[in-house]
Amino acid sequence: LFFMAIGLSLDLEVVVENWLLIAGLVPLMMLAKAILVY
């Protein structure tokens, strides 16, 4: 139910309006964290 609630709470309007920024931020954030944790 928690994982479903994560999907339910996703604001698609924010994603659509800022899709280019999010498309860049998500992989960059994950890459930076992975490198630092490593």
Full PDB file with SEQRES, HELIX, SHEET, SSBOND, CRYST1, ORIGX, SCALE, CONECT and MASTER records, all heavy atoms in Angstrom:
SEQRES   1 A   38  LEU PHE PHE MET ALA ILE GLY LEU SER LEU ASP LEU GLU          
SEQRES   2 A   38  VAL VAL VAL GLU ASN TRP LEU LEU ILE ALA GLY LEU VAL          
SEQRES   3 A   38  PRO LEU MET MET LEU ALA LYS ALA ILE LEU VAL TYR              
HELIX    1 AA1 PHE A    2  LEU A    8  1                                   7    
HELIX    2 AA2 LEU A   12  GLU A   17  1                                   6    
HELIX    3 AA3 TRP A   19  VAL A   37  1                                  19    
CRYST1    1.000    1.000    1.000  90.00  90.00  90.00 P 1           1          
ORIGX1      1.000000  0.000000  0.000000        0.00000                         
ORIGX2      0.000000  1.000000  0.000000        0.00000                         
ORIGX3      0.000000  0.000000  1.000000        0.00000                         
SCALE1      1.000000  0.000000  0.000000        0.00000                         
SCALE2      0.000000  1.000000  0.000000        0.00000                         
SCALE3      0.000000  0.000000  1.000000        0.00000                         
ATOM      1  N   LEU A   1       0.829  -1.204   0.000  1.00  0.00           N  
ATOM      2  CA  LEU A   1       0.000   0.000   0.000  1.00  0.00           C  
ATOM      3  C   LEU A   1       0.866   1.258   0.000  1.00  0.00           C  
ATOM      4  O   LEU A   1       0.524   2.267  -0.634  1.00  0.00           O  
ATOM      5  CB  LEU A   1      -0.914  -0.010   1.225  1.00  0.00           C  
ATOM      6  CG  LEU A   1      -1.943   1.119   1.341  1.00  0.00           C  
ATOM      7  CD1 LEU A   1      -2.914   1.068   0.181  1.00  0.00           C  
ATOM      8  CD2 LEU A   1      -2.690   1.015   2.670  1.00  0.00           C  
ATOM      9  N   PHE A   2       2.010   1.212   0.699  1.00  0.00           N  
ATOM     10  CA  PHE A   2       2.922   2.361   0.725  1.00  0.00           C  
ATOM     11  C   PHE A   2       3.434   2.674  -0.677  1.00  0.00           C  
ATOM     12  O   PHE A   2       3.441   3.835  -1.112  1.00  0.00           O  
ATOM     13  CB  PHE A   2       4.092   2.061   1.661  1.00  0.00           C  
ATOM     14  CG  PHE A   2       5.184   3.086   1.621  1.00  0.00           C  
ATOM     15  CD1 PHE A   2       5.059   4.282   2.308  1.00  0.00           C  
ATOM     16  CD2 PHE A   2       6.342   2.869   0.889  1.00  0.00           C  
ATOM     17  CE1 PHE A   2       6.062   5.239   2.264  1.00  0.00           C  
ATOM     18  CE2 PHE A   2       7.349   3.808   0.837  1.00  0.00           C  
ATOM     19  CZ  PHE A   2       7.207   5.003   1.543  1.00  0.00           C  
ATOM     20  N   PHE A   3       3.864   1.649  -1.403  1.00  0.00           N  
ATOM     21  CA  PHE A   3       4.365   1.880  -2.751  1.00  0.00           C  
ATOM     22  C   PHE A   3       3.257   2.405  -3.670  1.00  0.00           C  
ATOM     23  O   PHE A   3       3.496   3.256  -4.526  1.00  0.00           O  
ATOM     24  CB  PHE A   3       4.950   0.587  -3.323  1.00  0.00           C  
ATOM     25  CG  PHE A   3       6.151   0.088  -2.574  1.00  0.00           C  
ATOM     26  CD1 PHE A   3       6.247  -1.238  -2.181  1.00  0.00           C  
ATOM     27  CD2 PHE A   3       7.178   0.937  -2.252  1.00  0.00           C  
ATOM     28  CE1 PHE A   3       7.347  -1.702  -1.491  1.00  0.00           C  
ATOM     29  CE2 PHE A   3       8.295   0.486  -1.557  1.00  0.00           C  
ATOM     30  CZ  PHE A   3       8.371  -0.835  -1.169  1.00  0.00           C  
ATOM     31  N   MET A   4       2.034   1.912  -3.487  1.00  0.00           N  
ATOM     32  CA  MET A   4       0.919   2.428  -4.273  1.00  0.00           C  
ATOM     33  C   MET A   4       0.641   3.892  -3.927  1.00  0.00           C  
ATOM     34  O   MET A   4       0.331   4.704  -4.807  1.00  0.00           O  
ATOM     35  CB  MET A   4      -0.330   1.571  -4.030  1.00  0.00           C  
ATOM     36  CG  MET A   4      -0.247   0.167  -4.594  1.00  0.00           C  
ATOM     37  SD  MET A   4      -1.748  -0.785  -4.322  1.00  0.00           S  
ATOM     38  CE  MET A   4      -2.871   0.055  -5.409  1.00  0.00           C  
ATOM     39  N   ALA A   5       0.745   4.225  -2.635  1.00  0.00           N  
ATOM     40  CA  ALA A   5       0.505   5.600  -2.206  1.00  0.00           C  
ATOM     41  C   ALA A   5       1.550   6.549  -2.788  1.00  0.00           C  
ATOM     42  O   ALA A   5       1.242   7.719  -3.074  1.00  0.00           O  
ATOM     43  CB  ALA A   5       0.502   5.682  -0.678  1.00  0.00           C  
ATOM     44  N   ILE A   6       2.773   6.062  -2.972  1.00  0.00           N  
ATOM     45  CA  ILE A   6       3.807   6.884  -3.620  1.00  0.00           C  
ATOM     46  C   ILE A   6       3.344   7.251  -5.027  1.00  0.00           C  
ATOM     47  O   ILE A   6       3.443   8.411  -5.470  1.00  0.00           O  
ATOM     48  CB  ILE A   6       5.148   6.136  -3.675  1.00  0.00           C  
ATOM     49  CG1 ILE A   6       5.700   5.869  -2.272  1.00  0.00           C  
ATOM     50  CG2 ILE A   6       6.164   6.920  -4.509  1.00  0.00           C  
ATOM     51  CD1 ILE A   6       6.082   7.085  -1.517  1.00  0.00           C  
ATOM     52  N   GLY A   7       2.838   6.255  -5.759  1.00  0.00           N  
ATOM     53  CA  GLY A   7       2.330   6.531  -7.101  1.00  0.00           C  
ATOM     54  C   GLY A   7       1.119   7.437  -7.084  1.00  0.00           C  
ATOM     55  O   GLY A   7       0.969   8.319  -7.941  1.00  0.00           O  
ATOM     56  N   LEU A   8       0.236   7.239  -6.096  1.00  0.00           N  
ATOM     57  CA  LEU A   8      -0.967   8.070  -5.991  1.00  0.00           C  
ATOM     58  C   LEU A   8      -0.625   9.534  -5.732  1.00  0.00           C  
ATOM     59  O   LEU A   8      -1.320  10.437  -6.204  1.00  0.00           O  
ATOM     60  CB  LEU A   8      -1.852   7.550  -4.847  1.00  0.00           C  
ATOM     61  CG  LEU A   8      -2.662   6.271  -5.104  1.00  0.00           C  
ATOM     62  CD1 LEU A   8      -3.209   5.727  -3.799  1.00  0.00           C  
ATOM     63  CD2 LEU A   8      -3.810   6.569  -6.063  1.00  0.00           C  
ATOM     64  N   SER A   9       0.421   9.785  -4.951  1.00  0.00           N  
ATOM     65  CA  SER A   9       0.755  11.155  -4.548  1.00  0.00           C  
ATOM     66  C   SER A   9       1.590  11.901  -5.588  1.00  0.00           C  
ATOM     67  O   SER A   9       1.912  13.073  -5.401  1.00  0.00           O  
ATOM     68  CB  SER A   9       1.515  11.137  -3.211  1.00  0.00           C  
ATOM     69  OG  SER A   9       2.719  10.409  -3.332  1.00  0.00           O  
ATOM     70  N   LEU A  10       1.948  11.225  -6.676  1.00  0.00           N  
ATOM     71  CA  LEU A  10       2.737  11.882  -7.713  1.00  0.00           C  
ATOM     72  C   LEU A  10       1.904  12.978  -8.395  1.00  0.00           C  
ATOM     73  O   LEU A  10       0.792  12.729  -8.872  1.00  0.00           O  
ATOM     74  CB  LEU A  10       3.202  10.863  -8.752  1.00  0.00           C  
ATOM     75  CG  LEU A  10       4.076  11.390  -9.894  1.00  0.00           C  
ATOM     76  CD1 LEU A  10       5.395  11.914  -9.351  1.00  0.00           C  
ATOM     77  CD2 LEU A  10       4.317  10.299 -10.930  1.00  0.00           C  
ATOM     78  N   ASP A  11       2.419  14.175  -8.427  1.00  0.00           N  
ATOM     79  CA  ASP A  11       1.728  15.308  -9.051  1.00  0.00           C  
ATOM     80  C   ASP A  11       2.121  15.356 -10.527  1.00  0.00           C  
ATOM     81  O   ASP A  11       3.175  15.874 -10.898  1.00  0.00           O  
ATOM     82  CB  ASP A  11       2.112  16.613  -8.350  1.00  0.00           C  
ATOM     83  CG  ASP A  11       1.230  17.783  -8.762  1.00  0.00           C  
ATOM     84  OD1 ASP A  11       0.651  17.726  -9.865  1.00  0.00           O  
ATOM     85  OD2 ASP A  11       1.127  18.745  -7.983  1.00  0.00           O  
ATOM     86  N   LEU A  12       1.262  14.816 -11.382  1.00  0.00           N  
ATOM     87  CA  LEU A  12       1.584  14.743 -12.804  1.00  0.00           C  
ATOM     88  C   LEU A  12       1.668  16.124 -13.455  1.00  0.00           C  
ATOM     89  O   LEU A  12       2.409  16.315 -14.426  1.00  0.00           O  
ATOM     90  CB  LEU A  12       0.538  13.897 -13.536  1.00  0.00           C  
ATOM     91  CG  LEU A  12       0.647  12.375 -13.348  1.00  0.00           C  
ATOM     92  CD1 LEU A  12      -0.365  11.662 -14.227  1.00  0.00           C  
ATOM     93  CD2 LEU A  12       2.050  11.880 -13.658  1.00  0.00           C  
ATOM     94  N   GLU A  13       0.908  17.092 -12.937  1.00  0.00           N  
ATOM     95  CA  GLU A  13       0.971  18.442 -13.503  1.00  0.00           C  
ATOM     96  C   GLU A  13       2.365  19.040 -13.333  1.00  0.00           C  
ATOM     97  O   GLU A  13       2.910  19.666 -14.247  1.00  0.00           O  
ATOM     98  CB  GLU A  13      -0.076  19.335 -12.839  1.00  0.00           C  
ATOM     99  CG  GLU A  13      -1.509  18.959 -13.186  1.00  0.00           C  
ATOM    100  CD  GLU A  13      -2.502  19.935 -12.584  1.00  0.00           C  
ATOM    101  OE1 GLU A  13      -2.055  20.932 -11.957  1.00  0.00           O  
ATOM    102  OE2 GLU A  13      -3.713  19.699 -12.720  1.00  0.00           O  
ATOM    103  N   VAL A  14       2.949  18.818 -12.143  1.00  0.00           N  
ATOM    104  CA  VAL A  14       4.311  19.298 -11.899  1.00  0.00           C  
ATOM    105  C   VAL A  14       5.285  18.587 -12.828  1.00  0.00           C  
ATOM    106  O   VAL A  14       6.208  19.202 -13.391  1.00  0.00           O  
ATOM    107  CB  VAL A  14       4.700  19.076 -10.424  1.00  0.00           C  
ATOM    108  CG1 VAL A  14       6.178  19.392 -10.207  1.00  0.00           C  
ATOM    109  CG2 VAL A  14       3.836  19.937  -9.519  1.00  0.00           C  
ATOM    110  N   VAL A  15       5.092  17.285 -13.007  1.00  0.00           N  
ATOM    111  CA  VAL A  15       5.979  16.508 -13.872  1.00  0.00           C  
ATOM    112  C   VAL A  15       5.882  17.001 -15.311  1.00  0.00           C  
ATOM    113  O   VAL A  15       6.896  17.186 -15.996  1.00  0.00           O  
ATOM    114  CB  VAL A  15       5.632  15.004 -13.790  1.00  0.00           C  
ATOM    115  CG1 VAL A  15       6.471  14.210 -14.789  1.00  0.00           C  
ATOM    116  CG2 VAL A  15       5.863  14.481 -12.384  1.00  0.00           C  
ATOM    117  N   VAL A  16       4.656  17.237 -15.783  1.00  0.00           N  
ATOM    118  CA  VAL A  16       4.460  17.684 -17.166  1.00  0.00           C  
ATOM    119  C   VAL A  16       5.037  19.083 -17.376  1.00  0.00           C  
ATOM    120  O   VAL A  16       5.712  19.351 -18.382  1.00  0.00           O  
ATOM    121  CB  VAL A  16       2.955  17.657 -17.523  1.00  0.00           C  
ATOM    122  CG1 VAL A  16       2.714  18.309 -18.883  1.00  0.00           C  
ATOM    123  CG2 VAL A  16       2.446  16.215 -17.526  1.00  0.00           C  
ATOM    124  N   GLU A  17       4.783  19.991 -16.431  1.00  0.00           N  
ATOM    125  CA  GLU A  17       5.263  21.361 -16.573  1.00  0.00           C  
ATOM    126  C   GLU A  17       6.779  21.463 -16.494  1.00  0.00           C  
ATOM    127  O   GLU A  17       7.384  22.351 -17.098  1.00  0.00           O  
ATOM    128  CB  GLU A  17       4.639  22.239 -15.477  1.00  0.00           C  
ATOM    129  CG  GLU A  17       3.135  22.454 -15.639  1.00  0.00           C  
ATOM    130  CD  GLU A  17       2.544  23.204 -14.471  1.00  0.00           C  
ATOM    131  OE1 GLU A  17       3.322  23.585 -13.557  1.00  0.00           O  
ATOM    132  OE2 GLU A  17       1.312  23.410 -14.442  1.00  0.00           O  
ATOM    133  N   ASN A  18       7.402  20.561 -15.734  1.00  0.00           N  
ATOM    134  CA  ASN A  18       8.857  20.636 -15.525  1.00  0.00           C  
ATOM    135  C   ASN A  18       9.555  19.369 -16.004  1.00  0.00           C  
ATOM    136  O   ASN A  18      10.591  18.976 -15.464  1.00  0.00           O  
ATOM    137  CB  ASN A  18       9.159  20.855 -14.042  1.00  0.00           C  
ATOM    138  CG  ASN A  18       8.521  22.099 -13.474  1.00  0.00           C  
ATOM    139  OD1 ASN A  18       9.050  23.186 -13.583  1.00  0.00           O  
ATOM    140  ND2 ASN A  18       7.362  21.924 -12.839  1.00  0.00           N  
ATOM    141  N   TRP A  19       8.993  18.748 -17.039  1.00  0.00           N  
ATOM    142  CA  TRP A  19       9.493  17.430 -17.422  1.00  0.00           C  
ATOM    143  C   TRP A  19      10.961  17.466 -17.843  1.00  0.00           C  
ATOM    144  O   TRP A  19      11.730  16.539 -17.545  1.00  0.00           O  
ATOM    145  CB  TRP A  19       8.637  16.845 -18.543  1.00  0.00           C  
ATOM    146  CG  TRP A  19       8.783  17.540 -19.867  1.00  0.00           C  
ATOM    147  CD1 TRP A  19       8.056  18.574 -20.335  1.00  0.00           C  
ATOM    148  CD2 TRP A  19       9.731  17.212 -20.879  1.00  0.00           C  
ATOM    149  NE1 TRP A  19       8.489  18.947 -21.592  1.00  0.00           N  
ATOM    150  CE2 TRP A  19       9.515  18.119 -21.955  1.00  0.00           C  
ATOM    151  CE3 TRP A  19      10.732  16.264 -21.013  1.00  0.00           C  
ATOM    152  CZ2 TRP A  19      10.279  18.088 -23.122  1.00  0.00           C  
ATOM    153  CZ3 TRP A  19      11.493  16.226 -22.171  1.00  0.00           C  
ATOM    154  CH2 TRP A  19      11.266  17.131 -23.213  1.00  0.00           C  
ATOM    155  N   LEU A  20      11.368  18.519 -18.495  1.00  0.00           N  
ATOM    156  CA  LEU A  20      12.762  18.595 -18.939  1.00  0.00           C  
ATOM    157  C   LEU A  20      13.703  18.726 -17.744  1.00  0.00           C  
ATOM    158  O   LEU A  20      14.760  18.069 -17.684  1.00  0.00           O  
ATOM    159  CB  LEU A  20      12.932  19.779 -19.889  1.00  0.00           C  
ATOM    160  CG  LEU A  20      14.248  19.843 -20.666  1.00  0.00           C  
ATOM    161  CD1 LEU A  20      14.418  18.577 -21.503  1.00  0.00           C  
ATOM    162  CD2 LEU A  20      14.294  21.086 -21.558  1.00  0.00           C  
ATOM    163  N   LEU A  21      13.324  19.572 -16.789  1.00  0.00           N  
ATOM    164  CA  LEU A  21      14.147  19.751 -15.597  1.00  0.00           C  
ATOM    165  C   LEU A  21      14.208  18.455 -14.787  1.00  0.00           C  
ATOM    166  O   LEU A  21      15.283  18.038 -14.335  1.00  0.00           O  
ATOM    167  CB  LEU A  21      13.565  20.882 -14.740  1.00  0.00           C  
ATOM    168  CG  LEU A  21      14.270  21.180 -13.406  1.00  0.00           C  
ATOM    169  CD1 LEU A  21      15.716  21.603 -13.652  1.00  0.00           C  
ATOM    170  CD2 LEU A  21      13.519  22.256 -12.636  1.00  0.00           C  
ATOM    171  N   ILE A  22      13.056  17.818 -14.619  1.00  0.00           N  
ATOM    172  CA  ILE A  22      13.012  16.560 -13.843  1.00  0.00           C  
ATOM    173  C   ILE A  22      13.797  15.468 -14.555  1.00  0.00           C  
ATOM    174  O   ILE A  22      14.521  14.688 -13.917  1.00  0.00           O  
ATOM    175  CB  ILE A  22      11.551  16.130 -13.625  1.00  0.00           C  
ATOM    176  CG1 ILE A  22      10.850  17.119 -12.687  1.00  0.00           C  
ATOM    177  CG2 ILE A  22      11.472  14.725 -13.050  1.00  0.00           C  
ATOM    178  CD1 ILE A  22       9.366  16.866 -12.519  1.00  0.00           C  
ATOM    179  N   ALA A  23      13.673  15.413 -15.890  1.00  0.00           N  
ATOM    180  CA  ALA A  23      14.402  14.395 -16.663  1.00  0.00           C  
ATOM    181  C   ALA A  23      15.907  14.537 -16.496  1.00  0.00           C  
ATOM    182  O   ALA A  23      16.652  13.553 -16.605  1.00  0.00           O  
ATOM    183  CB  ALA A  23      14.023  14.486 -18.133  1.00  0.00           C  
ATOM    184  N   GLY A  24      16.364  15.742 -16.228  1.00  0.00           N  
ATOM    185  CA  GLY A  24      17.789  15.937 -15.968  1.00  0.00           C  
ATOM    186  C   GLY A  24      18.152  15.744 -14.516  1.00  0.00           C  
ATOM    187  O   GLY A  24      19.194  15.148 -14.192  1.00  0.00           O  
ATOM    188  N   LEU A  25      17.278  16.230 -13.607  1.00  0.00           N  
ATOM    189  CA  LEU A  25      17.588  16.171 -12.178  1.00  0.00           C  
ATOM    190  C   LEU A  25      17.634  14.741 -11.629  1.00  0.00           C  
ATOM    191  O   LEU A  25      18.510  14.403 -10.836  1.00  0.00           O  
ATOM    192  CB  LEU A  25      16.561  16.984 -11.385  1.00  0.00           C  
ATOM    193  CG  LEU A  25      16.712  18.498 -11.385  1.00  0.00           C  
ATOM    194  CD1 LEU A  25      15.586  19.142 -10.590  1.00  0.00           C  
ATOM    195  CD2 LEU A  25      18.072  18.894 -10.792  1.00  0.00           C  
ATOM    196  N   VAL A  26      16.669  13.910 -12.034  1.00  0.00           N  
ATOM    197  CA  VAL A  26      16.570  12.562 -11.450  1.00  0.00           C  
ATOM    198  C   VAL A  26      17.831  11.738 -11.716  1.00  0.00           C  
ATOM    199  O   VAL A  26      18.462  11.241 -10.779  1.00  0.00           O  
ATOM    200  CB  VAL A  26      15.303  11.840 -11.942  1.00  0.00           C  
ATOM    201  CG1 VAL A  26      15.309  10.381 -11.480  1.00  0.00           C  
ATOM    202  CG2 VAL A  26      14.057  12.541 -11.423  1.00  0.00           C  
ATOM    203  N   PRO A  27      18.252  11.570 -12.971  1.00  0.00           N  
ATOM    204  CA  PRO A  27      19.470  10.774 -13.184  1.00  0.00           C  
ATOM    205  C   PRO A  27      20.724  11.424 -12.600  1.00  0.00           C  
ATOM    206  O   PRO A  27      21.621  10.721 -12.113  1.00  0.00           O  
ATOM    207  CB  PRO A  27      19.562  10.650 -14.706  1.00  0.00           C  
ATOM    208  CG  PRO A  27      18.718  11.746 -15.254  1.00  0.00           C  
ATOM    209  CD  PRO A  27      17.647  11.974 -14.252  1.00  0.00           C  
ATOM    210  N   LEU A  28      20.800  12.776 -12.631  1.00  0.00           N  
ATOM    211  CA  LEU A  28      21.973  13.436 -12.065  1.00  0.00           C  
ATOM    212  C   LEU A  28      22.055  13.239 -10.559  1.00  0.00           C  
ATOM    213  O   LEU A  28      23.132  12.982 -10.010  1.00  0.00           O  
ATOM    214  CB  LEU A  28      21.945  14.938 -12.398  1.00  0.00           C  
ATOM    215  CG  LEU A  28      22.332  15.333 -13.833  1.00  0.00           C  
ATOM    216  CD1 LEU A  28      22.139  16.825 -14.039  1.00  0.00           C  
ATOM    217  CD2 LEU A  28      23.773  14.934 -14.117  1.00  0.00           C  
ATOM    218  N   MET A  29      20.905  13.368  -9.890  1.00  0.00           N  
ATOM    219  CA  MET A  29      20.882  13.153  -8.440  1.00  0.00           C  
ATOM    220  C   MET A  29      21.251  11.711  -8.092  1.00  0.00           C  
ATOM    221  O   MET A  29      22.062  11.465  -7.189  1.00  0.00           O  
ATOM    222  CB  MET A  29      19.489  13.485  -7.896  1.00  0.00           C  
ATOM    223  CG  MET A  29      19.373  13.404  -6.376  1.00  0.00           C  
ATOM    224  SD  MET A  29      18.851  11.782  -5.737  1.00  0.00           S  
ATOM    225  CE  MET A  29      17.145  11.738  -6.273  1.00  0.00           C  
ATOM    226  N   MET A  30      20.693  10.755  -8.820  1.00  0.00           N  
ATOM    227  CA  MET A  30      20.989   9.346  -8.544  1.00  0.00           C  
ATOM    228  C   MET A  30      22.456   9.023  -8.830  1.00  0.00           C  
ATOM    229  O   MET A  30      23.096   8.285  -8.072  1.00  0.00           O  
ATOM    230  CB  MET A  30      20.069   8.453  -9.373  1.00  0.00           C  
ATOM    231  CG  MET A  30      18.587   8.574  -9.014  1.00  0.00           C  
ATOM    232  SD  MET A  30      17.511   7.493  -9.971  1.00  0.00           S  
ATOM    233  CE  MET A  30      17.924   5.891  -9.254  1.00  0.00           C  
ATOM    234  N   LEU A  31      22.999   9.584  -9.909  1.00  0.00           N  
ATOM    235  CA  LEU A  31      24.408   9.350 -10.238  1.00  0.00           C  
ATOM    236  C   LEU A  31      25.319   9.941  -9.176  1.00  0.00           C  
ATOM    237  O   LEU A  31      26.287   9.305  -8.732  1.00  0.00           O  
ATOM    238  CB  LEU A  31      24.721   9.938 -11.613  1.00  0.00           C  
ATOM    239  CG  LEU A  31      26.176   9.799 -12.092  1.00  0.00           C  
ATOM    240  CD1 LEU A  31      26.547   8.328 -12.232  1.00  0.00           C  
ATOM    241  CD2 LEU A  31      26.377  10.535 -13.414  1.00  0.00           C  
ATOM    242  N   ALA A  32      25.001  11.183  -8.752  1.00  0.00           N  
ATOM    243  CA  ALA A  32      25.830  11.833  -7.730  1.00  0.00           C  
ATOM    244  C   ALA A  32      25.793  11.043  -6.422  1.00  0.00           C  
ATOM    245  O   ALA A  32      26.840  10.809  -5.786  1.00  0.00           O  
ATOM    246  CB  ALA A  32      25.338  13.261  -7.505  1.00  0.00           C  
ATOM    247  N   LYS A  33      24.604  10.632  -5.994  1.00  0.00           N  
ATOM    248  CA  LYS A  33      24.504   9.854  -4.755  1.00  0.00           C  
ATOM    249  C   LYS A  33      25.259   8.534  -4.864  1.00  0.00           C  
ATOM    250  O   LYS A  33      25.953   8.116  -3.927  1.00  0.00           O  
ATOM    251  CB  LYS A  33      23.037   9.579  -4.419  1.00  0.00           C  
ATOM    252  CG  LYS A  33      22.310  10.730  -3.754  1.00  0.00           C  
ATOM    253  CD  LYS A  33      20.947  10.322  -3.242  1.00  0.00           C  
ATOM    254  CE  LYS A  33      21.041   9.398  -2.032  1.00  0.00           C  
ATOM    255  NZ  LYS A  33      19.718   9.128  -1.446  1.00  0.00           N  
ATOM    256  N   ALA A  34      25.112   7.862  -6.004  1.00  0.00           N  
ATOM    257  CA  ALA A  34      25.780   6.571  -6.178  1.00  0.00           C  
ATOM    258  C   ALA A  34      27.297   6.713  -6.092  1.00  0.00           C  
ATOM    259  O   ALA A  34      27.976   5.914  -5.437  1.00  0.00           O  
ATOM    260  CB  ALA A  34      25.375   5.947  -7.518  1.00  0.00           C  
ATOM    261  N   ILE A  35      27.825   7.758  -6.732  1.00  0.00           N  
ATOM    262  CA  ILE A  35      29.280   7.978  -6.699  1.00  0.00           C  
ATOM    263  C   ILE A  35      29.744   8.279  -5.274  1.00  0.00           C  
ATOM    264  O   ILE A  35      30.765   7.745  -4.811  1.00  0.00           O  
ATOM    265  CB  ILE A  35      29.663   9.130  -7.653  1.00  0.00           C  
ATOM    266  CG1 ILE A  35      29.423   8.705  -9.109  1.00  0.00           C  
ATOM    267  CG2 ILE A  35      31.113   9.539  -7.449  1.00  0.00           C  
ATOM    268  CD1 ILE A  35      29.604   9.834 -10.106  1.00  0.00           C  
ATOM    269  N   LEU A  36      28.995   9.139  -4.580  1.00  0.00           N  
ATOM    270  CA  LEU A  36      29.377   9.498  -3.212  1.00  0.00           C  
ATOM    271  C   LEU A  36      29.275   8.310  -2.255  1.00  0.00           C  
ATOM    272  O   LEU A  36      30.162   8.083  -1.424  1.00  0.00           O  
ATOM    273  CB  LEU A  36      28.502  10.651  -2.723  1.00  0.00           C  
ATOM    274  CG  LEU A  36      28.713  11.999  -3.438  1.00  0.00           C  
ATOM    275  CD1 LEU A  36      27.605  12.976  -3.076  1.00  0.00           C  
ATOM    276  CD2 LEU A  36      30.073  12.585  -3.076  1.00  0.00           C  
ATOM    277  N   VAL A  37      28.191   7.521  -2.379  1.00  0.00           N  
ATOM    278  CA  VAL A  37      28.044   6.338  -1.516  1.00  0.00           C  
ATOM    279  C   VAL A  37      29.142   5.326  -1.810  1.00  0.00           C  
ATOM    280  O   VAL A  37      29.711   4.733  -0.888  1.00  0.00           O  
ATOM    281  CB  VAL A  37      26.640   5.705  -1.722  1.00  0.00           C  
ATOM    282  CG1 VAL A  37      26.550   4.352  -1.020  1.00  0.00           C  
ATOM    283  CG2 VAL A  37      25.554   6.630  -1.197  1.00  0.00           C  
ATOM    284  N   TYR A  38      29.463   5.156  -3.079  1.00  0.00           N  
ATOM    285  CA  TYR A  38      30.550   4.237  -3.438  1.00  0.00           C  
ATOM    286  C   TYR A  38      31.863   4.673  -2.788  1.00  0.00           C  
ATOM    287  O   TYR A  38      32.595   3.860  -2.212  1.00  0.00           O  
ATOM    288  CB  TYR A  38      30.709   4.188  -4.962  1.00  0.00           C  
ATOM    289  CG  TYR A  38      31.896   3.374  -5.426  1.00  0.00           C  
ATOM    290  CD1 TYR A  38      31.806   1.993  -5.564  1.00  0.00           C  
ATOM    291  CD2 TYR A  38      33.117   3.992  -5.701  1.00  0.00           C  
ATOM    292  CE1 TYR A  38      32.898   1.247  -5.977  1.00  0.00           C  
ATOM    293  CE2 TYR A  38      34.218   3.255  -6.113  1.00  0.00           C  
ATOM    294  CZ  TYR A  38      34.108   1.882  -6.254  1.00  0.00           C  
ATOM    295  OH  TYR A  38      35.196   1.148  -6.643  1.00  0.00           O  
TER     296      TYR A  38                                                      
MASTER        0    0    0    3    0    0    0    6  295    1    0    3          
END                                                                             
